[in-house]
Amino acid sequence: MTTLTVKNVPDHVHKKLRLRASASRRSLNSELLHIIESTLEADQDPAAEAAGILRKARELRSRFSGELTSAEVDAAIDEGRP
């Protein structure tokens, strides 16, 4: 395996990484590898990612019939707001 050194990591980034690693019950090194691997896997096949997003959008769209009124849109936007 290859060793990779990351230099000049800003303090706030290091702190966020440590917190994320702790929350995931991983070492800092394991968390960094997890982030790198998951990012590279997501970027591996943009066509498959786009197809997945399109599939989800079509699934959501199939749940609705007709058009929404502006009042329904406003209510959906305001839902969950304090």
N, C-alpha and C. Protein backbone atom coordinates (compact mmCIF):
# COMPACT_ATOMS: atom_id res chain seq x y z
N MET A 1 0.84 -1.18 0.00
CA MET A 1 0.00 0.00 0.00
C MET A 1 0.88 1.24 0.00
N THR A 2 0.32 2.29 -0.55
CA THR A 2 1.02 3.55 -0.64
C THR A 2 0.68 4.44 0.55
N THR A 3 1.64 5.22 0.97
CA THR A 3 1.41 6.18 2.04
C THR A 3 1.21 7.54 1.40
N LEU A 4 0.20 8.26 1.89
CA LEU A 4 -0.11 9.58 1.37
C LEU A 4 -0.04 10.56 2.52
N THR A 5 0.68 11.66 2.32
CA THR A 5 0.80 12.69 3.34
C THR A 5 0.03 13.92 2.87
N VAL A 6 -0.79 14.46 3.75
CA VAL A 6 -1.54 15.67 3.44
C VAL A 6 -0.96 16.80 4.28
N LYS A 7 -0.51 17.85 3.59
CA LYS A 7 0.12 18.97 4.29
C LYS A 7 -0.78 20.18 4.30
N ASN A 8 -0.51 21.07 5.24
CA ASN A 8 -1.17 22.37 5.34
C ASN A 8 -2.69 22.26 5.47
N VAL A 9 -3.14 21.34 6.29
CA VAL A 9 -4.57 21.19 6.54
C VAL A 9 -5.00 22.29 7.51
N PRO A 10 -5.97 23.12 7.11
CA PRO A 10 -6.42 24.17 8.02
C PRO A 10 -6.98 23.56 9.31
N ASP A 11 -6.81 24.29 10.41
CA ASP A 11 -7.24 23.79 11.72
C ASP A 11 -8.73 23.45 11.74
N HIS A 12 -9.57 24.29 11.11
CA HIS A 12 -11.00 24.03 11.14
C HIS A 12 -11.38 22.77 10.36
N VAL A 13 -10.63 22.46 9.31
CA VAL A 13 -10.88 21.24 8.53
C VAL A 13 -10.45 20.03 9.36
N HIS A 14 -9.31 20.12 10.00
CA HIS A 14 -8.82 19.03 10.85
C HIS A 14 -9.82 18.73 11.96
N LYS A 15 -10.35 19.80 12.58
CA LYS A 15 -11.31 19.63 13.67
C LYS A 15 -12.57 18.93 13.17
N LYS A 16 -13.10 19.34 12.00
CA LYS A 16 -14.30 18.72 11.44
C LYS A 16 -14.05 17.25 11.10
N LEU A 17 -12.87 16.95 10.58
CA LEU A 17 -12.53 15.57 10.26
C LEU A 17 -12.45 14.71 11.53
N ARG A 18 -11.84 15.27 12.58
CA ARG A 18 -11.76 14.52 13.84
C ARG A 18 -13.14 14.25 14.41
N LEU A 19 -14.02 15.26 14.37
CA LEU A 19 -15.39 15.09 14.87
C LEU A 19 -16.16 14.06 14.05
N ARG A 20 -15.99 14.13 12.73
CA ARG A 20 -16.68 13.17 11.85
C ARG A 20 -16.16 11.76 12.09
N ALA A 21 -14.86 11.61 12.25
CA ALA A 21 -14.28 10.30 12.51
C ALA A 21 -14.78 9.74 13.83
N SER A 22 -14.84 10.59 14.83
CA SER A 22 -15.31 10.16 16.14
C SER A 22 -16.77 9.73 16.08
N ALA A 23 -17.60 10.50 15.38
CA ALA A 23 -19.02 10.17 15.25
C ALA A 23 -19.22 8.86 14.51
N SER A 24 -18.32 8.55 13.58
CA SER A 24 -18.40 7.31 12.80
C SER A 24 -17.65 6.16 13.46
N ARG A 25 -17.05 6.46 14.63
CA ARG A 25 -16.25 5.47 15.36
C ARG A 25 -15.12 4.90 14.51
N ARG A 26 -14.45 5.83 13.81
CA ARG A 26 -13.31 5.46 12.99
C ARG A 26 -12.12 6.32 13.39
N SER A 27 -10.94 5.85 13.04
CA SER A 27 -9.75 6.67 13.23
C SER A 27 -9.78 7.78 12.17
N LEU A 28 -8.98 8.79 12.38
CA LEU A 28 -8.90 9.87 11.41
C LEU A 28 -8.46 9.32 10.05
N ASN A 29 -7.49 8.44 10.05
CA ASN A 29 -7.02 7.84 8.80
C ASN A 29 -8.13 7.04 8.11
N SER A 30 -8.85 6.23 8.87
CA SER A 30 -9.94 5.43 8.30
C SER A 30 -11.04 6.32 7.74
N GLU A 31 -11.33 7.41 8.44
CA GLU A 31 -12.37 8.34 7.97
C GLU A 31 -11.95 9.00 6.66
N LEU A 32 -10.70 9.42 6.58
CA LEU A 32 -10.20 10.02 5.34
C LEU A 32 -10.28 9.03 4.17
N LEU A 33 -9.88 7.79 4.42
CA LEU A 33 -9.96 6.78 3.37
C LEU A 33 -11.41 6.54 2.95
N HIS A 34 -12.31 6.51 3.92
CA HIS A 34 -13.74 6.33 3.62
C HIS A 34 -14.25 7.47 2.73
N ILE A 35 -13.91 8.71 3.08
CA ILE A 35 -14.34 9.87 2.30
C ILE A 35 -13.78 9.81 0.88
N ILE A 36 -12.51 9.50 0.77
CA ILE A 36 -11.88 9.43 -0.56
C ILE A 36 -12.50 8.33 -1.40
N GLU A 37 -12.65 7.13 -0.82
CA GLU A 37 -13.21 6.00 -1.58
C GLU A 37 -14.65 6.28 -2.01
N SER A 38 -15.47 6.79 -1.11
CA SER A 38 -16.87 7.03 -1.46
C SER A 38 -17.00 8.12 -2.52
N THR A 39 -16.12 9.12 -2.46
CA THR A 39 -16.14 10.18 -3.47
C THR A 39 -15.72 9.63 -4.83
N LEU A 40 -14.69 8.82 -4.85
CA LEU A 40 -14.23 8.26 -6.12
C LEU A 40 -15.24 7.28 -6.71
N GLU A 41 -15.90 6.50 -5.86
CA GLU A 41 -16.92 5.57 -6.34
C GLU A 41 -18.09 6.33 -6.94
N ALA A 42 -18.49 7.43 -6.33
CA ALA A 42 -19.60 8.24 -6.84
C ALA A 42 -19.24 8.87 -8.18
N ASP A 43 -17.98 9.25 -8.32
CA ASP A 43 -17.54 9.89 -9.56
C ASP A 43 -17.22 8.89 -10.66
N GLN A 44 -17.19 7.61 -10.33
CA GLN A 44 -16.76 6.60 -11.27
C GLN A 44 -17.66 6.50 -12.50
N ASP A 45 -18.98 6.57 -12.30
CA ASP A 45 -19.90 6.39 -13.41
C ASP A 45 -20.96 7.48 -13.39
N PRO A 46 -20.67 8.64 -13.99
CA PRO A 46 -21.63 9.74 -13.98
C PRO A 46 -22.95 9.38 -14.67
N ALA A 47 -22.90 8.54 -15.68
CA ALA A 47 -24.12 8.15 -16.39
C ALA A 47 -25.04 7.36 -15.47
N ALA A 48 -24.48 6.46 -14.68
CA ALA A 48 -25.28 5.67 -13.75
C ALA A 48 -25.86 6.57 -12.66
N GLU A 49 -25.08 7.55 -12.20
CA GLU A 49 -25.57 8.48 -11.19
C GLU A 49 -26.73 9.30 -11.75
N ALA A 50 -26.58 9.79 -12.97
CA ALA A 50 -27.64 10.57 -13.61
C ALA A 50 -28.89 9.72 -13.81
N ALA A 51 -28.70 8.48 -14.21
CA ALA A 51 -29.84 7.58 -14.42
C ALA A 51 -30.56 7.35 -13.09
N GLY A 52 -29.83 7.22 -12.00
CA GLY A 52 -30.43 7.03 -10.69
C GLY A 52 -31.25 8.24 -10.26
N ILE A 53 -30.72 9.42 -10.51
CA ILE A 53 -31.43 10.65 -10.16
C ILE A 53 -32.70 10.77 -11.00
N LEU A 54 -32.59 10.47 -12.29
CA LEU A 54 -33.75 10.52 -13.17
C LEU A 54 -34.82 9.52 -12.74
N ARG A 55 -34.38 8.32 -12.35
CA ARG A 55 -35.32 7.29 -11.89
C ARG A 55 -36.07 7.76 -10.65
N LYS A 56 -35.34 8.37 -9.70
CA LYS A 56 -35.97 8.88 -8.49
C LYS A 56 -36.95 10.01 -8.80
N ALA A 57 -36.57 10.89 -9.72
CA ALA A 57 -37.45 12.00 -10.09
C ALA A 57 -38.73 11.48 -10.74
N ARG A 58 -38.59 10.49 -11.60
CA ARG A 58 -39.78 9.90 -12.25
C ARG A 58 -40.67 9.21 -11.23
N GLU A 59 -40.06 8.55 -10.26
CA GLU A 59 -40.84 7.88 -9.21
C GLU A 59 -41.63 8.90 -8.39
N LEU A 60 -40.98 9.99 -8.03
CA LEU A 60 -41.67 11.03 -7.28
C LEU A 60 -42.78 11.66 -8.11
N ARG A 61 -42.50 11.89 -9.37
CA ARG A 61 -43.49 12.52 -10.25
C ARG A 61 -44.71 11.63 -10.42
N SER A 62 -44.52 10.32 -10.42
CA SER A 62 -45.63 9.39 -10.62
C SER A 62 -46.61 9.40 -9.44
N ARG A 63 -46.16 9.90 -8.31
CA ARG A 63 -47.01 9.95 -7.12
C ARG A 63 -48.04 11.08 -7.21
N PHE A 64 -47.82 12.02 -8.10
CA PHE A 64 -48.70 13.18 -8.20
C PHE A 64 -49.46 13.15 -9.51
N SER A 65 -50.71 13.57 -9.44
CA SER A 65 -51.49 13.67 -10.67
C SER A 65 -51.95 15.12 -10.82
N GLY A 66 -51.98 15.59 -12.02
CA GLY A 66 -52.41 16.96 -12.26
C GLY A 66 -51.33 17.95 -11.89
N GLU A 67 -51.77 19.20 -11.76
CA GLU A 67 -50.84 20.27 -11.43
C GLU A 67 -51.11 20.78 -10.02
N LEU A 68 -50.10 21.29 -9.40
CA LEU A 68 -50.24 21.87 -8.06
C LEU A 68 -50.67 23.32 -8.19
N THR A 69 -51.50 23.76 -7.26
CA THR A 69 -51.87 25.16 -7.22
C THR A 69 -50.75 25.95 -6.56
N SER A 70 -50.76 27.26 -6.74
CA SER A 70 -49.73 28.08 -6.10
C SER A 70 -49.85 28.00 -4.57
N ALA A 71 -51.06 27.84 -4.07
CA ALA A 71 -51.25 27.70 -2.62
C ALA A 71 -50.60 26.40 -2.13
N GLU A 72 -50.73 25.31 -2.88
CA GLU A 72 -50.11 24.03 -2.51
C GLU A 72 -48.58 24.14 -2.54
N VAL A 73 -48.07 24.84 -3.53
CA VAL A 73 -46.61 25.03 -3.63
C VAL A 73 -46.12 25.85 -2.44
N ASP A 74 -46.84 26.95 -2.13
CA ASP A 74 -46.45 27.78 -0.99
C ASP A 74 -46.51 27.00 0.31
N ALA A 75 -47.53 26.18 0.48
CA ALA A 75 -47.66 25.38 1.70
C ALA A 75 -46.52 24.38 1.81
N ALA A 76 -46.11 23.77 0.68
CA ALA A 76 -45.01 22.82 0.69
C ALA A 76 -43.69 23.50 1.03
N ILE A 77 -43.51 24.72 0.51
CA ILE A 77 -42.29 25.47 0.80
C ILE A 77 -42.23 25.83 2.28
N ASP A 78 -43.37 26.23 2.83
CA ASP A 78 -43.41 26.67 4.23
C ASP A 78 -43.42 25.51 5.22
N GLU A 79 -43.69 24.29 4.75
CA GLU A 79 -43.78 23.15 5.65
C GLU A 79 -42.47 22.94 6.38
N GLY A 80 -42.58 22.84 7.68
CA GLY A 80 -41.39 22.58 8.48
C GLY A 80 -40.64 23.82 8.90
N ARG A 81 -41.06 24.96 8.40
CA ARG A 81 -40.39 26.21 8.81
C ARG A 81 -40.96 26.69 10.13
N PRO A 82 -40.12 27.29 10.96
CA PRO A 82 -40.62 27.81 12.25
C PRO A 82 -41.50 29.03 12.05
